[in-house]
Amino acid sequence: MHLSWTFPAEIGLFGDAGTVTDALADRVADGIGVESRNQRAARLQVNRQEHGHFNAPELTSDTTPVLPQRVIRQFGEAVPDNAVIACDAGENRLFMMHYFQTKGTVTFLQCAGIGAMGYAIPPALAAKLVRSERAAIAVFGDGGFSIGMNGLMSAVEEKIPIVTVMLNNWALGWVKHGQGEHSIACDFADFDHAAMARAMGCEGYRVTSLTR
């Protein structure tokens, strides 16, 4: 049993899913500890004002290199409401979870735990095969791309049209920042990943600034 082993939880429930769900339904039916819709909405507004709600200054920053927060804001404005976004492990996922605002149901897929780097492209391919009418987008860092870029070959060979977005910080960012001042074996050279994608038959664009 590993309740809240990855993300801390104030209340952990362990048991048969059906039994636990029935017990929760009974408690809700009794009205114990249930807020009204208006009360929840008011509390949510207070929390948004206190902690901020998708209004961090980094989201509109014009600095170069382009901040991941700014990339995610532009990304969020551009993607269709029903797009399926598959997010890789690593520091890119921390930024996406914090700054990306989902628009519909079943729109954000991510791997469990913290170590499944290279995850993003396969579920994006699967999503496009299952729901061809929806845009399928894979988001990853340069470390995840290095592990899973062979998935682009499959996309080309099987003619599966997906979009990929890479946040490049020239490092295994989560590892690097966790190591502090003495980072070991986590820095990358300044590779041109867009050129790698083009070499595999994809369209590839490298964005280095906010101006054309």
Protein backbone atom coordinates (compact mmCIF):
# COMPACT_ATOMS: atom_id res chain seq x y z
CA MET A 1 0.00 0.00 0.00
CA HIS A 2 1.46 3.39 -1.04
CA LEU A 3 -1.11 6.05 -0.25
CA SER A 4 0.08 9.53 -1.34
CA TRP A 5 3.63 8.26 -1.93
CA THR A 6 4.13 10.67 -4.85
CA PHE A 7 1.82 13.56 -3.97
CA PRO A 8 0.85 14.25 -0.32
CA ALA A 9 -2.83 13.89 0.57
CA GLU A 10 -4.64 15.14 3.65
CA ILE A 11 -7.06 12.20 3.55
CA GLY A 12 -6.20 8.75 2.22
CA LEU A 13 -8.84 6.13 1.44
CA PHE A 14 -7.86 2.48 1.14
CA GLY A 15 -10.32 -0.28 0.32
CA ASP A 16 -12.44 -1.92 -2.33
CA ALA A 17 -13.40 0.76 -4.87
CA GLY A 18 -17.08 -0.15 -4.88
CA THR A 19 -17.36 -0.27 -1.09
CA VAL A 20 -15.52 3.02 -0.61
CA THR A 21 -17.55 4.75 -3.33
CA ASP A 22 -20.83 3.56 -1.79
CA ALA A 23 -19.73 4.80 1.63
CA LEU A 24 -18.82 8.21 0.21
CA ALA A 25 -22.17 8.41 -1.60
CA ASP A 26 -23.99 7.69 1.65
CA ARG A 27 -22.09 10.45 3.43
CA VAL A 28 -22.85 12.94 0.67
CA ALA A 29 -26.52 11.95 0.75
CA ASP A 30 -26.57 12.69 4.48
CA GLY A 31 -25.22 16.18 3.78
CA ILE A 32 -22.27 15.82 6.12
CA GLY A 33 -19.50 18.26 5.34
CA VAL A 34 -20.93 19.27 1.98
CA GLU A 35 -20.58 22.87 0.84
CA SER A 36 -23.14 24.52 -1.34
CA ARG A 37 -22.14 25.38 -4.90
CA ASN A 38 -22.10 29.09 -4.04
CA GLN A 39 -19.92 28.49 -0.98
CA ARG A 40 -17.39 26.54 -3.03
CA ALA A 41 -17.35 29.21 -5.72
CA ALA A 42 -16.76 31.95 -3.14
CA ARG A 43 -13.96 29.99 -1.47
CA LEU A 44 -12.36 29.33 -4.85
CA GLN A 45 -12.34 33.04 -5.69
CA VAL A 46 -10.67 33.86 -2.37
CA ASN A 47 -7.97 31.26 -3.02
CA ARG A 48 -7.42 32.58 -6.56
CA GLN A 49 -6.90 36.12 -5.26
CA GLU A 50 -4.58 34.93 -2.50
CA HIS A 51 -2.44 32.52 -4.51
CA GLY A 52 -2.88 33.78 -8.08
CA HIS A 53 -4.70 32.09 -10.93
CA PHE A 54 -2.80 31.74 -14.22
CA ASN A 55 -1.57 35.32 -13.87
CA ALA A 56 2.12 34.87 -12.98
CA PRO A 57 4.30 37.60 -14.54
CA GLU A 58 6.46 34.96 -16.24
CA LEU A 59 3.49 34.08 -18.46
CA THR A 60 3.84 37.40 -20.28
CA SER A 61 7.61 37.82 -20.06
CA ASP A 62 9.44 38.86 -23.24
CA THR A 63 12.87 37.76 -22.03
CA THR A 64 15.26 35.67 -24.10
CA PRO A 65 15.80 32.71 -23.93
CA VAL A 66 12.02 32.33 -23.91
CA LEU A 67 10.76 31.23 -20.51
CA PRO A 68 8.85 27.92 -20.34
CA GLN A 69 5.95 29.75 -18.69
CA ARG A 70 5.61 32.02 -21.74
CA VAL A 71 5.82 29.05 -24.08
CA ILE A 72 3.04 27.29 -22.15
CA ARG A 73 0.84 30.37 -22.23
CA GLN A 74 1.18 30.67 -26.01
CA PHE A 75 0.69 26.92 -26.29
CA GLY A 76 -2.51 27.07 -24.25
CA GLU A 77 -3.92 29.82 -26.42
CA ALA A 78 -3.13 27.96 -29.64
CA VAL A 79 -4.29 24.40 -28.97
CA PRO A 80 -7.90 23.38 -29.70
CA ASP A 81 -10.21 22.89 -26.72
CA ASN A 82 -10.46 19.15 -27.34
CA ALA A 83 -6.78 18.51 -28.03
CA VAL A 84 -5.14 15.59 -26.25
CA ILE A 85 -1.85 16.62 -24.65
CA ALA A 86 0.57 13.90 -23.53
CA CYS A 87 3.19 15.24 -21.12
CA ASP A 88 6.54 13.60 -20.49
CA ALA A 89 8.28 13.10 -17.16
CA GLY A 90 10.83 15.63 -15.97
CA GLU A 91 10.89 19.33 -15.25
CA ASN A 92 8.74 20.17 -18.28
CA ARG A 93 5.88 18.36 -16.55
CA LEU A 94 6.25 20.52 -13.44
CA PHE A 95 5.82 23.63 -15.58
CA MET A 96 2.89 22.14 -17.50
CA MET A 97 1.08 21.02 -14.35
CA HIS A 98 1.48 24.46 -12.82
CA TYR A 99 0.84 26.75 -15.80
CA PHE A 100 -1.21 24.84 -18.37
CA GLN A 101 -4.97 25.19 -18.01
CA THR A 102 -6.96 22.29 -19.43
CA LYS A 103 -10.02 23.13 -21.51
CA GLY A 104 -12.00 19.88 -21.69
CA THR A 105 -12.30 16.29 -20.56
CA VAL A 106 -9.53 13.75 -21.19
CA THR A 107 -7.19 16.42 -22.52
CA PHE A 108 -4.07 15.95 -20.36
CA LEU A 109 -2.23 12.64 -20.07
CA GLN A 110 0.87 12.11 -17.96
CA CYS A 111 2.88 9.19 -16.67
CA ALA A 112 2.61 8.10 -13.06
CA GLY A 113 5.57 8.54 -10.74
CA ILE A 114 8.61 10.58 -11.74
CA GLY A 115 10.84 8.32 -13.81
CA ALA A 116 9.08 7.44 -17.07
CA MET A 117 11.05 9.71 -19.39
CA GLY A 118 10.34 9.18 -23.07
CA TYR A 119 6.62 8.71 -22.33
CA ALA A 120 5.05 11.56 -24.29
CA ILE A 121 5.17 10.51 -27.95
CA PRO A 122 3.65 6.99 -27.65
CA PRO A 123 0.40 8.12 -25.94
CA ALA A 124 0.09 10.99 -28.40
CA LEU A 125 0.32 8.49 -31.26
CA ALA A 126 -2.26 6.24 -29.57
CA ALA A 127 -4.61 9.16 -28.93
CA LYS A 128 -4.50 10.13 -32.60
CA LEU A 129 -5.23 6.56 -33.66
CA VAL A 130 -8.17 6.25 -31.26
CA ARG A 131 -9.66 9.72 -31.82
CA SER A 132 -8.41 10.89 -35.19
CA GLU A 133 -10.63 14.00 -35.14
CA ARG A 134 -8.75 15.43 -32.14
CA ALA A 135 -5.34 17.08 -32.24
CA ALA A 136 -2.70 15.00 -30.43
CA ILE A 137 0.28 16.83 -28.94
CA ALA A 138 3.34 15.52 -27.11
CA VAL A 139 5.17 17.87 -24.70
CA PHE A 140 8.61 16.96 -23.40
CA GLY A 141 12.03 18.28 -22.47
CA ASP A 142 15.28 17.74 -24.30
CA GLY A 143 16.09 14.77 -22.07
CA GLY A 144 12.79 13.07 -22.84
CA PHE A 145 13.23 13.77 -26.55
CA SER A 146 16.64 12.10 -26.48
CA ILE A 147 15.03 8.96 -25.06
CA GLY A 148 11.83 8.85 -27.10
CA MET A 149 12.58 10.56 -30.40
CA ASN A 150 12.39 7.22 -32.22
CA GLY A 151 8.63 7.63 -31.85
CA LEU A 152 8.80 10.28 -34.56
CA MET A 153 10.05 7.61 -36.95
CA SER A 154 6.92 5.60 -36.20
CA ALA A 155 4.77 8.69 -36.77
CA VAL A 156 6.35 9.19 -40.19
CA GLU A 157 6.28 5.53 -41.18
CA GLU A 158 2.65 5.01 -40.11
CA LYS A 159 1.52 8.49 -41.24
CA ILE A 160 0.18 9.48 -37.82
CA PRO A 161 -0.03 13.30 -37.69
CA ILE A 162 0.90 14.51 -34.21
CA VAL A 163 2.48 17.73 -32.95
CA THR A 164 5.46 17.74 -30.60
CA VAL A 165 6.62 20.61 -28.38
CA MET A 166 9.98 20.51 -26.65
CA LEU A 167 11.06 22.74 -23.76
CA ASN A 168 14.84 22.87 -24.05
CA ASN A 169 16.92 23.84 -21.01
CA TRP A 170 20.07 21.98 -22.12
CA ALA A 171 19.86 19.68 -19.11
CA LEU A 172 17.99 17.09 -17.13
CA GLY A 173 16.47 20.03 -15.28
CA TRP A 174 14.84 18.20 -12.38
CA VAL A 175 18.07 16.32 -11.70
CA LYS A 176 20.27 19.39 -12.13
CA HIS A 177 18.28 21.59 -9.78
CA GLY A 178 17.99 18.79 -7.27
CA GLN A 179 21.77 18.44 -7.12
CA GLY A 180 22.32 22.07 -6.19
CA GLU A 181 25.64 23.74 -6.91
CA HIS A 182 27.53 20.55 -7.88
CA SER A 183 25.61 19.02 -10.78
CA ILE A 184 26.86 15.72 -12.19
CA ALA A 185 26.11 14.11 -15.58
CA CYS A 186 22.97 16.12 -16.28
CA ASP A 187 24.01 18.85 -18.74
CA PHE A 188 23.53 18.60 -22.52
CA ALA A 189 25.20 20.26 -25.47
CA ASP A 190 23.21 22.76 -27.53
CA PHE A 191 21.82 20.27 -30.04
CA ASP A 192 19.51 21.34 -32.87
CA HIS A 193 16.60 19.00 -32.15
CA ALA A 194 14.47 20.55 -34.91
CA ALA A 195 17.12 19.49 -37.42
CA MET A 196 17.00 15.97 -35.99
CA ALA A 197 13.24 15.90 -36.51
CA ARG A 198 13.62 17.12 -40.08
CA ALA A 199 16.19 14.41 -40.73
CA MET A 200 13.53 11.86 -39.76
CA GLY A 201 11.05 13.33 -42.23
CA CYS A 202 9.13 15.65 -39.90
CA GLU A 203 8.68 19.38 -40.05
CA GLY A 204 10.94 20.95 -37.44
CA TYR A 205 11.16 24.51 -36.13
CA ARG A 206 13.52 25.90 -33.52
CA VAL A 207 12.16 28.92 -31.63
CA THR A 208 14.78 31.15 -30.06
CA SER A 209 12.88 34.42 -29.57
CA LEU A 210 9.38 35.87 -29.52
CA THR A 211 9.91 37.83 -32.73
CA ARG A 212 10.15 36.46 -36.24
